[in-house]
Structures are given as structure tokens and as C-alpha cells.
C-alpha atoms as a PDB file:
ATOM      1  CA  VAL A   1      14.128  44.128  37.605  1.00  0.00           C
ATOM      2  CA  VAL A   2      15.047  44.146  41.268  1.00  0.00           C
ATOM      3  CA  ASN A   3      18.677  44.110  42.272  1.00  0.00           C
ATOM      4  CA  PRO A   4      19.005  41.420  45.007  1.00  0.00           C
ATOM      5  CA  GLY A   5      21.542  43.522  46.904  1.00  0.00           C
ATOM      6  CA  LEU A   6      19.205  46.502  47.027  1.00  0.00           C
ATOM      7  CA  ALA A   7      16.283  44.325  48.094  1.00  0.00           C
ATOM      8  CA  GLU A   8      18.420  42.995  50.956  1.00  0.00           C
ATOM      9  CA  LEU A   9      19.368  46.558  51.892  1.00  0.00           C
ATOM     10  CA  ALA A  10      15.714  47.577  52.146  1.00  0.00           C
ATOM     11  CA  ALA A  11      14.915  44.491  54.229  1.00  0.00           C
ATOM     12  CA  ARG A  12      17.731  45.285  56.657  1.00  0.00           C
ATOM     13  CA  GLY A  13      16.440  48.834  56.927  1.00  0.00           C
ATOM     14  CA  ARG A  14      12.968  47.627  57.849  1.00  0.00           C
ATOM     15  CA  ALA A  15      14.467  45.318  60.471  1.00  0.00           C
ATOM     16  CA  ALA A  16      16.628  48.102  61.922  1.00  0.00           C
ATOM     17  CA  SER A  17      13.705  50.501  62.137  1.00  0.00           C
ATOM     18  CA  ALA A  18      11.521  47.812  63.705  1.00  0.00           C
ATOM     19  CA  ASP A  19      13.920  47.202  66.585  1.00  0.00           C
ATOM     20  CA  GLY A  20      14.956  50.859  66.952  1.00  0.00           C
ATOM     21  CA  GLY A  21      18.595  50.256  66.158  1.00  0.00           C
ATOM     22  CA  ALA A  22      21.486  48.006  66.888  1.00  0.00           C
ATOM     23  CA  PRO A  23      22.267  46.672  70.345  1.00  0.00           C
ATOM     24  CA  GLY A  24      24.650  49.035  72.067  1.00  0.00           C
ATOM     25  CA  ALA A  25      23.416  52.080  70.185  1.00  0.00           C
ATOM     26  CA  ARG A  26      22.911  55.076  72.428  1.00  0.00           C
ATOM     27  CA  ALA A  27      19.325  54.874  73.668  1.00  0.00           C
ATOM     28  CA  GLY A  28      18.751  58.608  73.341  1.00  0.00           C
ATOM     29  CA  ALA A  29      20.475  59.001  69.967  1.00  0.00           C
ATOM     30  CA  PHE A  30      17.175  59.582  68.227  1.00  0.00           C
ATOM     31  CA  ASP A  31      15.772  61.717  71.049  1.00  0.00           C
ATOM     32  CA  SER A  32      17.753  64.757  69.953  1.00  0.00           C
ATOM     33  CA  PRO A  33      15.394  67.485  68.693  1.00  0.00           C
ATOM     34  CA  GLU A  34      17.973  68.434  66.061  1.00  0.00           C
ATOM     35  CA  LEU A  35      18.231  64.865  64.766  1.00  0.00           C
ATOM     36  CA  ARG A  36      14.432  64.524  64.665  1.00  0.00           C
ATOM     37  CA  ALA A  37      14.161  67.736  62.639  1.00  0.00           C
ATOM     38  CA  LEU A  38      16.963  66.678  60.291  1.00  0.00           C
ATOM     39  CA  THR A  39      15.332  63.276  59.811  1.00  0.00           C
ATOM     40  CA  LEU A  40      12.055  64.879  58.762  1.00  0.00           C
ATOM     41  CA  THR A  41      13.856  67.018  56.185  1.00  0.00           C
ATOM     42  CA  PHE A  42      15.918  63.993  55.111  1.00  0.00           C
ATOM     43  CA  ALA A  43      12.705  62.034  54.485  1.00  0.00           C
ATOM     44  CA  GLN A  44      11.341  64.881  52.375  1.00  0.00           C
ATOM     45  CA  TYR A  45      14.520  64.987  50.276  1.00  0.00           C
ATOM     46  CA  LEU A  46      14.484  61.218  49.790  1.00  0.00           C
ATOM     47  CA  ALA A  47      10.829  61.240  48.751  1.00  0.00           C
ATOM     48  CA  VAL A  48      11.579  63.576  45.834  1.00  0.00           C
ATOM     49  CA  ASN A  49      15.026  62.159  44.945  1.00  0.00           C
ATOM     50  CA  ASP A  50      16.736  65.379  46.036  1.00  0.00           C
ATOM     51  CA  THR A  51      20.516  64.964  46.163  1.00  0.00           C
ATOM     52  CA  ARG A  52      20.653  67.301  49.170  1.00  0.00           C
ATOM     53  CA  ALA A  53      19.767  64.127  51.092  1.00  0.00           C
ATOM     54  CA  GLU A  54      23.425  63.108  50.812  1.00  0.00           C
ATOM     55  CA  GLU A  55      24.640  66.286  52.520  1.00  0.00           C
ATOM     56  CA  LEU A  56      21.995  66.027  55.205  1.00  0.00           C
ATOM     57  CA  LEU A  57      22.876  62.390  55.850  1.00  0.00           C
ATOM     58  CA  ALA A  58      26.493  63.380  56.455  1.00  0.00           C
ATOM     59  CA  ARG A  59      25.343  66.017  58.936  1.00  0.00           C
ATOM     60  CA  MET A  60      23.124  63.492  60.745  1.00  0.00           C
ATOM     61  CA  ARG A  61      25.959  60.970  60.990  1.00  0.00           C
ATOM     62  CA  GLU A  62      28.247  63.678  62.321  1.00  0.00           C
ATOM     63  CA  LEU A  63      25.654  64.622  64.937  1.00  0.00           C
ATOM     64  CA  CYS A  64      25.370  61.012  66.145  1.00  0.00           C
ATOM     65  CA  GLY A  65      29.061  60.207  65.970  1.00  0.00           C
ATOM     66  CA  ALA A  66      30.051  56.687  66.943  1.00  0.00           C
ATOM     67  CA  GLN A  67      26.680  56.148  68.617  1.00  0.00           C
ATOM     68  CA  ALA A  68      24.631  56.390  65.420  1.00  0.00           C
ATOM     69  CA  PRO A  69      21.518  54.199  65.354  1.00  0.00           C
ATOM     70  CA  ALA A  70      21.624  51.176  63.039  1.00  0.00           C
ATOM     71  CA  TRP A  71      18.994  52.628  60.705  1.00  0.00           C
ATOM     72  CA  LEU A  72      21.270  55.558  59.929  1.00  0.00           C
ATOM     73  CA  GLY A  73      24.032  53.254  58.678  1.00  0.00           C
ATOM     74  CA  THR A  74      21.550  51.305  56.579  1.00  0.00           C
ATOM     75  CA  CYS A  75      20.217  54.570  55.123  1.00  0.00           C
ATOM     76  CA  ALA A  76      23.771  55.608  54.291  1.00  0.00           C
ATOM     77  CA  GLU A  77      24.341  52.378  52.349  1.00  0.00           C
ATOM     78  CA  ALA A  78      21.145  52.937  50.376  1.00  0.00           C
ATOM     79  CA  VAL A  79      21.997  56.578  49.655  1.00  0.00           C
ATOM     80  CA  ASP A  80      25.492  55.544  48.539  1.00  0.00           C
ATOM     81  CA  ALA A  81      23.776  53.157  46.101  1.00  0.00           C
ATOM     82  CA  LEU A  82      21.537  56.077  45.001  1.00  0.00           C
ATOM     83  CA  ASN A  83      18.508  54.072  46.113  1.00  0.00           C
ATOM     84  CA  TYR A  84      16.535  56.780  47.860  1.00  0.00           C
ATOM     85  CA  GLU A  85      13.438  54.587  48.046  1.00  0.00           C
ATOM     86  CA  ALA A  86      15.316  51.998  50.120  1.00  0.00           C
ATOM     87  CA  ALA A  87      16.808  54.768  52.268  1.00  0.00           C
ATOM     88  CA  LEU A  88      13.335  56.126  52.948  1.00  0.00           C
ATOM     89  CA  ALA A  89      12.223  52.644  54.017  1.00  0.00           C
ATOM     90  CA  CYS A  90      15.071  52.585  56.570  1.00  0.00           C
ATOM     91  CA  LEU A  91      13.777  55.559  58.532  1.00  0.00           C
ATOM     92  CA  PRO A  92      12.102  55.009  61.901  1.00  0.00           C
ATOM     93  CA  ARG A  93       8.324  54.786  61.559  1.00  0.00           C
ATOM     94  CA  PRO A  94       7.414  58.243  62.946  1.00  0.00           C
ATOM     95  CA  HIS A  95       9.319  59.796  60.030  1.00  0.00           C
ATOM     96  CA  GLN A  96       7.667  57.678  57.368  1.00  0.00           C
ATOM     97  CA  GLY A  97       4.414  59.563  57.844  1.00  0.00           C
ATOM     98  CA  GLU A  98       2.705  56.753  59.752  1.00  0.00           C
END
């Protein structure tokens, strides 16, 4: 059984990762070496349903501040819903192992 709200969340995440983020998002927000490293670890936590993903997400959002990329907000919604699979789908492609 698929929850329609969670399916929509995953679809929005794919759209956000496809366009790189929302208009007005800081262009270099994802260029930070620290954020890239945190995102890799975040993806690993999500892949194994590790609840440390929640703490790491908070740290990533803090690092980005008000200029957080759209995918990060979509990931946060999925993590709040405890849908780590949808959160993993929200990550930018380089961090999905592709």
C-alpha cells in the first residue's frame, strides 16, 4: 500500500534534484566541501534506516541556513515522515551513487 502523500513527496524530491534546487537558492550552496561530505554520510544513513540521519539533516540545514537547496527541504519532510527511502530519492544525483 502506497501512501499518496509519501508518493507525492518522493516525486517532488526527484523534481528538486533534477533542477538542482529552487529558484533563488544560493548557487554555491551545494559546492561546500563540508556539505558534500555530510550528504554522502546522510545517504549512507538513509540507505540503512539509521536514525542518525535526523541529526545529520539538522546539521546540514544549519550549514545552509536560509539558502538551503530545495532538495534539502524535501528530504527533511521525508525524514520527518520517517520515509528514509523517499529522502534518499531527494538527494542530488551524485550522492545517489550514479
